[in-house]
């Protein structure tokens, strides 16, 4: 039986974050191109955000070095109020890959504690079936939202007494069969619901 893996990153929780992205669990570290969330160079999360905010899918990419620009990403997320963690703290990887299908959740993250540290949070965003199912089971969501839809988290409000929503987006994995342009359109719709995306200018 494979050994247990403990989450290798601390939660990234900017004080004024309005959106909390929750994935399932990071890929094996041999697949990382930076020490931050969505580190796999073949995952398009940061290309999608570059497209949405800067109309440049390579804005966060060092193309020649085949890595993401961690410093630029962290500064951007702090400025925009984007928080990151995952729905699992401890997992068992049933195969040596990044697929959620072979990921056994041994210990789920305490999502309520994460939200307690984010008093202005308006939405928890998931981008995969396992992350969505894990979160819904913990927070008592009877019917998970469809992709590109949202539901209110039952009984959970932020410090401004606004309901916190669970918003499900298409996966940024290339295994999810949707062109990056269409994924970016879905992400843009979500961002526009919770934050002003025109605050950042390319440069």
Protein backbone atom coordinates (compact mmCIF):
# COMPACT_ATOMS: atom_id res chain seq x y z
CA UNK A 1 0.00 0.00 0.00
CA UNK A 2 1.31 3.46 -0.87
CA UNK A 3 2.41 5.76 1.92
CA UNK A 4 0.51 8.78 3.15
CA UNK A 5 1.25 12.22 1.72
CA UNK A 6 0.77 15.33 3.82
CA UNK A 7 0.01 18.62 2.09
CA UNK A 8 3.36 20.24 1.16
CA UNK A 9 2.12 23.85 1.13
CA UNK A 10 0.70 26.20 3.73
CA UNK A 11 -2.68 27.74 2.94
CA UNK A 12 -2.28 30.99 1.00
CA UNK A 13 -4.78 33.33 2.68
CA UNK A 14 -4.47 37.05 1.88
CA UNK A 15 -6.29 39.02 4.58
CA UNK A 16 -8.76 40.64 2.19
CA UNK A 17 -9.30 37.67 -0.10
CA UNK A 18 -12.76 37.43 -1.63
CA UNK A 19 -12.25 34.15 -3.50
CA UNK A 20 -10.88 30.89 -2.10
CA UNK A 21 -9.77 28.34 -4.70
CA UNK A 22 -9.85 24.77 -3.38
CA UNK A 23 -8.34 22.00 -5.50
CA UNK A 24 -8.04 18.38 -4.51
CA UNK A 25 -4.30 17.99 -3.73
CA UNK A 26 -1.03 19.05 -5.40
CA UNK A 27 0.53 16.76 -8.00
CA UNK A 28 3.70 14.79 -7.16
CA UNK A 29 6.53 17.26 -6.60
CA UNK A 30 8.52 15.91 -9.55
CA UNK A 31 5.85 17.60 -11.70
CA UNK A 32 6.21 21.03 -10.08
CA UNK A 33 7.60 24.04 -11.96
CA UNK A 34 7.28 26.36 -8.92
CA UNK A 35 6.62 26.20 -5.20
CA UNK A 36 2.99 27.36 -5.24
CA UNK A 37 -0.49 26.23 -6.19
CA UNK A 38 -1.17 24.76 -9.65
CA UNK A 39 2.55 24.15 -10.15
CA UNK A 40 2.33 21.61 -12.98
CA UNK A 41 3.50 23.33 -16.16
CA UNK A 42 0.98 21.30 -18.16
CA UNK A 43 -1.91 22.65 -16.09
CA UNK A 44 -3.45 25.77 -17.60
CA UNK A 45 -4.73 27.52 -14.46
CA UNK A 46 -2.22 30.39 -14.63
CA UNK A 47 -2.56 30.65 -18.40
CA UNK A 48 -6.31 31.04 -17.93
CA UNK A 49 -5.82 33.78 -15.33
CA UNK A 50 -3.31 35.50 -17.59
CA UNK A 51 -5.85 35.44 -20.40
CA UNK A 52 -8.68 36.75 -18.20
CA UNK A 53 -6.81 39.59 -16.52
CA UNK A 54 -4.16 40.56 -19.07
CA UNK A 55 -5.37 39.11 -22.40
CA UNK A 56 -2.07 37.21 -22.43
CA UNK A 57 -2.03 33.54 -21.52
CA UNK A 58 1.74 33.69 -21.03
CA UNK A 59 1.68 36.63 -18.61
CA UNK A 60 2.60 34.33 -15.70
CA UNK A 61 4.77 32.00 -17.79
CA UNK A 62 8.52 31.91 -18.31
CA UNK A 63 8.26 30.21 -21.67
CA UNK A 64 11.98 29.59 -22.19
CA UNK A 65 12.50 28.10 -18.73
CA UNK A 66 9.20 26.16 -18.90
CA UNK A 67 8.05 27.35 -15.51
CA UNK A 68 5.56 29.74 -13.95
CA UNK A 69 6.67 33.05 -12.45
CA UNK A 70 5.95 32.51 -8.77
CA UNK A 71 6.80 36.04 -7.59
CA UNK A 72 4.51 37.62 -10.17
CA UNK A 73 1.70 35.17 -9.33
CA UNK A 74 1.93 35.72 -5.56
CA UNK A 75 1.93 39.52 -5.91
CA UNK A 76 -1.03 39.34 -8.28
CA UNK A 77 -3.06 37.06 -5.98
CA UNK A 78 -2.39 39.28 -2.97
CA UNK A 79 -3.50 42.36 -4.93
CA UNK A 80 -6.62 40.71 -6.33
CA UNK A 81 -7.64 38.92 -3.13
CA UNK A 82 -7.30 35.31 -4.29
CA UNK A 83 -6.69 32.60 -1.68
CA UNK A 84 -5.62 29.01 -2.31
CA UNK A 85 -5.58 25.66 -0.58
CA UNK A 86 -6.96 22.17 -1.21
CA UNK A 87 -9.81 20.07 0.12
CA UNK A 88 -7.45 17.34 1.37
CA UNK A 89 -4.64 17.62 3.94
CA UNK A 90 -3.56 13.98 3.83
CA UNK A 91 -3.97 11.60 0.90
CA UNK A 92 -2.85 8.25 -0.38
CA UNK A 93 -1.85 8.25 -4.03
CA UNK A 94 -2.97 4.97 -5.54
CA UNK A 95 -0.94 5.56 -8.70
CA UNK A 96 2.11 7.72 -9.29
CA UNK A 97 0.33 10.50 -11.15
CA UNK A 98 -1.71 13.65 -10.62
CA UNK A 99 -5.10 12.14 -11.41
CA UNK A 100 -7.91 12.69 -8.89
CA UNK A 101 -9.30 9.30 -9.89
CA UNK A 102 -6.43 7.61 -8.05
CA UNK A 103 -6.35 9.91 -5.03
CA UNK A 104 -7.72 8.61 -1.74
CA UNK A 105 -8.58 11.38 0.73
CA UNK A 106 -7.41 10.27 4.17
CA UNK A 107 -7.94 13.58 5.97
CA UNK A 108 -9.99 16.46 4.58
CA UNK A 109 -9.00 20.08 5.15
CA UNK A 110 -10.97 22.10 7.69
CA UNK A 111 -12.74 24.42 5.25
CA UNK A 112 -14.65 26.23 7.99
CA UNK A 113 -11.34 27.16 9.63
CA UNK A 114 -10.02 28.46 6.30
CA UNK A 115 -13.12 30.59 5.85
CA UNK A 116 -12.83 31.90 9.41
CA UNK A 117 -9.43 33.30 8.40
CA UNK A 118 -10.99 35.03 5.37
CA UNK A 119 -13.62 37.44 6.74
CA UNK A 120 -14.32 39.04 3.34
CA UNK A 121 -14.56 35.82 1.33
CA UNK A 122 -17.52 35.71 -1.06
CA UNK A 123 -16.92 32.41 -2.83
CA UNK A 124 -15.24 29.05 -2.57
CA UNK A 125 -14.25 27.90 -6.06
CA UNK A 126 -13.63 24.28 -7.01
CA UNK A 127 -12.40 23.08 -10.37
CA UNK A 128 -12.68 19.32 -10.11
CA UNK A 129 -15.17 16.61 -9.19
CA UNK A 130 -13.22 15.21 -6.23
CA UNK A 131 -12.61 18.64 -4.67
CA UNK A 132 -16.28 19.51 -5.10
CA UNK A 133 -17.49 16.22 -3.61
CA UNK A 134 -15.08 16.43 -0.66
CA UNK A 135 -16.15 19.98 0.16
CA UNK A 136 -19.88 19.25 -0.23
CA UNK A 137 -19.65 16.26 2.10
CA UNK A 138 -17.94 18.35 4.78
CA UNK A 139 -20.23 21.38 4.55
CA UNK A 140 -23.55 19.62 4.06
CA UNK A 141 -24.26 20.67 0.47
CA UNK A 142 -26.94 18.25 -0.71
CA UNK A 143 -26.65 18.92 -4.43
CA UNK A 144 -23.29 20.04 -5.84
CA UNK A 145 -23.49 22.77 -8.49
CA UNK A 146 -23.08 21.92 -12.13
CA UNK A 147 -19.95 23.10 -13.90
CA UNK A 148 -20.06 26.89 -14.37
CA UNK A 149 -22.80 27.28 -11.74
CA UNK A 150 -22.97 28.02 -8.01
CA UNK A 151 -24.96 27.37 -4.83
CA UNK A 152 -24.94 28.99 -1.41
CA UNK A 153 -23.02 27.19 1.33
CA UNK A 154 -25.69 26.38 3.92
CA UNK A 155 -25.50 28.52 7.05
CA UNK A 156 -22.13 30.11 6.22
CA UNK A 157 -21.77 33.88 5.94
CA UNK A 158 -18.77 36.20 5.97
CA UNK A 159 -18.02 39.13 8.29
CA UNK A 160 -20.18 41.39 6.10
CA UNK A 161 -23.11 38.96 6.58
CA UNK A 162 -23.03 37.95 2.92
CA UNK A 163 -23.72 34.34 2.04
CA UNK A 164 -20.63 32.50 0.83
CA UNK A 165 -21.19 30.66 -2.44
CA UNK A 166 -19.69 27.48 -3.83
CA UNK A 167 -18.83 28.11 -7.46
CA UNK A 168 -17.75 25.24 -9.68
CA UNK A 169 -15.57 25.90 -12.70
CA UNK A 170 -14.26 23.61 -15.44
CA UNK A 171 -10.96 22.00 -14.57
CA UNK A 172 -7.83 23.76 -15.78
CA UNK A 173 -6.30 20.35 -16.46
CA UNK A 174 -5.71 19.64 -20.13
CA UNK A 175 -7.47 16.33 -19.55
CA UNK A 176 -10.74 18.28 -19.30
CA UNK A 177 -12.04 18.53 -22.90
CA UNK A 178 -12.63 22.25 -23.39
CA UNK A 179 -10.53 24.80 -25.31
CA UNK A 180 -8.62 27.22 -23.11
CA UNK A 181 -10.54 30.17 -24.63
CA UNK A 182 -13.86 28.71 -23.42
CA UNK A 183 -12.39 27.94 -20.00
CA UNK A 184 -11.16 31.53 -19.76
CA UNK A 185 -14.66 32.79 -20.56
CA UNK A 186 -16.08 30.69 -17.70
CA UNK A 187 -13.43 31.92 -15.27
CA UNK A 188 -13.99 35.53 -16.34
CA UNK A 189 -17.71 35.22 -15.59
CA UNK A 190 -16.91 33.91 -12.11
CA UNK A 191 -14.32 36.62 -11.38
CA UNK A 192 -16.69 39.36 -12.49
CA UNK A 193 -19.25 38.15 -9.96
CA UNK A 194 -16.92 38.69 -7.00
CA UNK A 195 -14.16 41.12 -7.91
CA UNK A 196 -13.32 43.88 -10.39
CA UNK A 197 -11.00 42.27 -12.89
CA UNK A 198 -9.91 45.49 -14.61
CA UNK A 199 -7.87 46.66 -11.62
CA UNK A 200 -4.71 45.12 -13.00
CA UNK A 201 -3.05 46.42 -16.15
CA UNK A 202 -0.48 44.61 -18.20
CA UNK A 203 3.01 45.96 -17.80
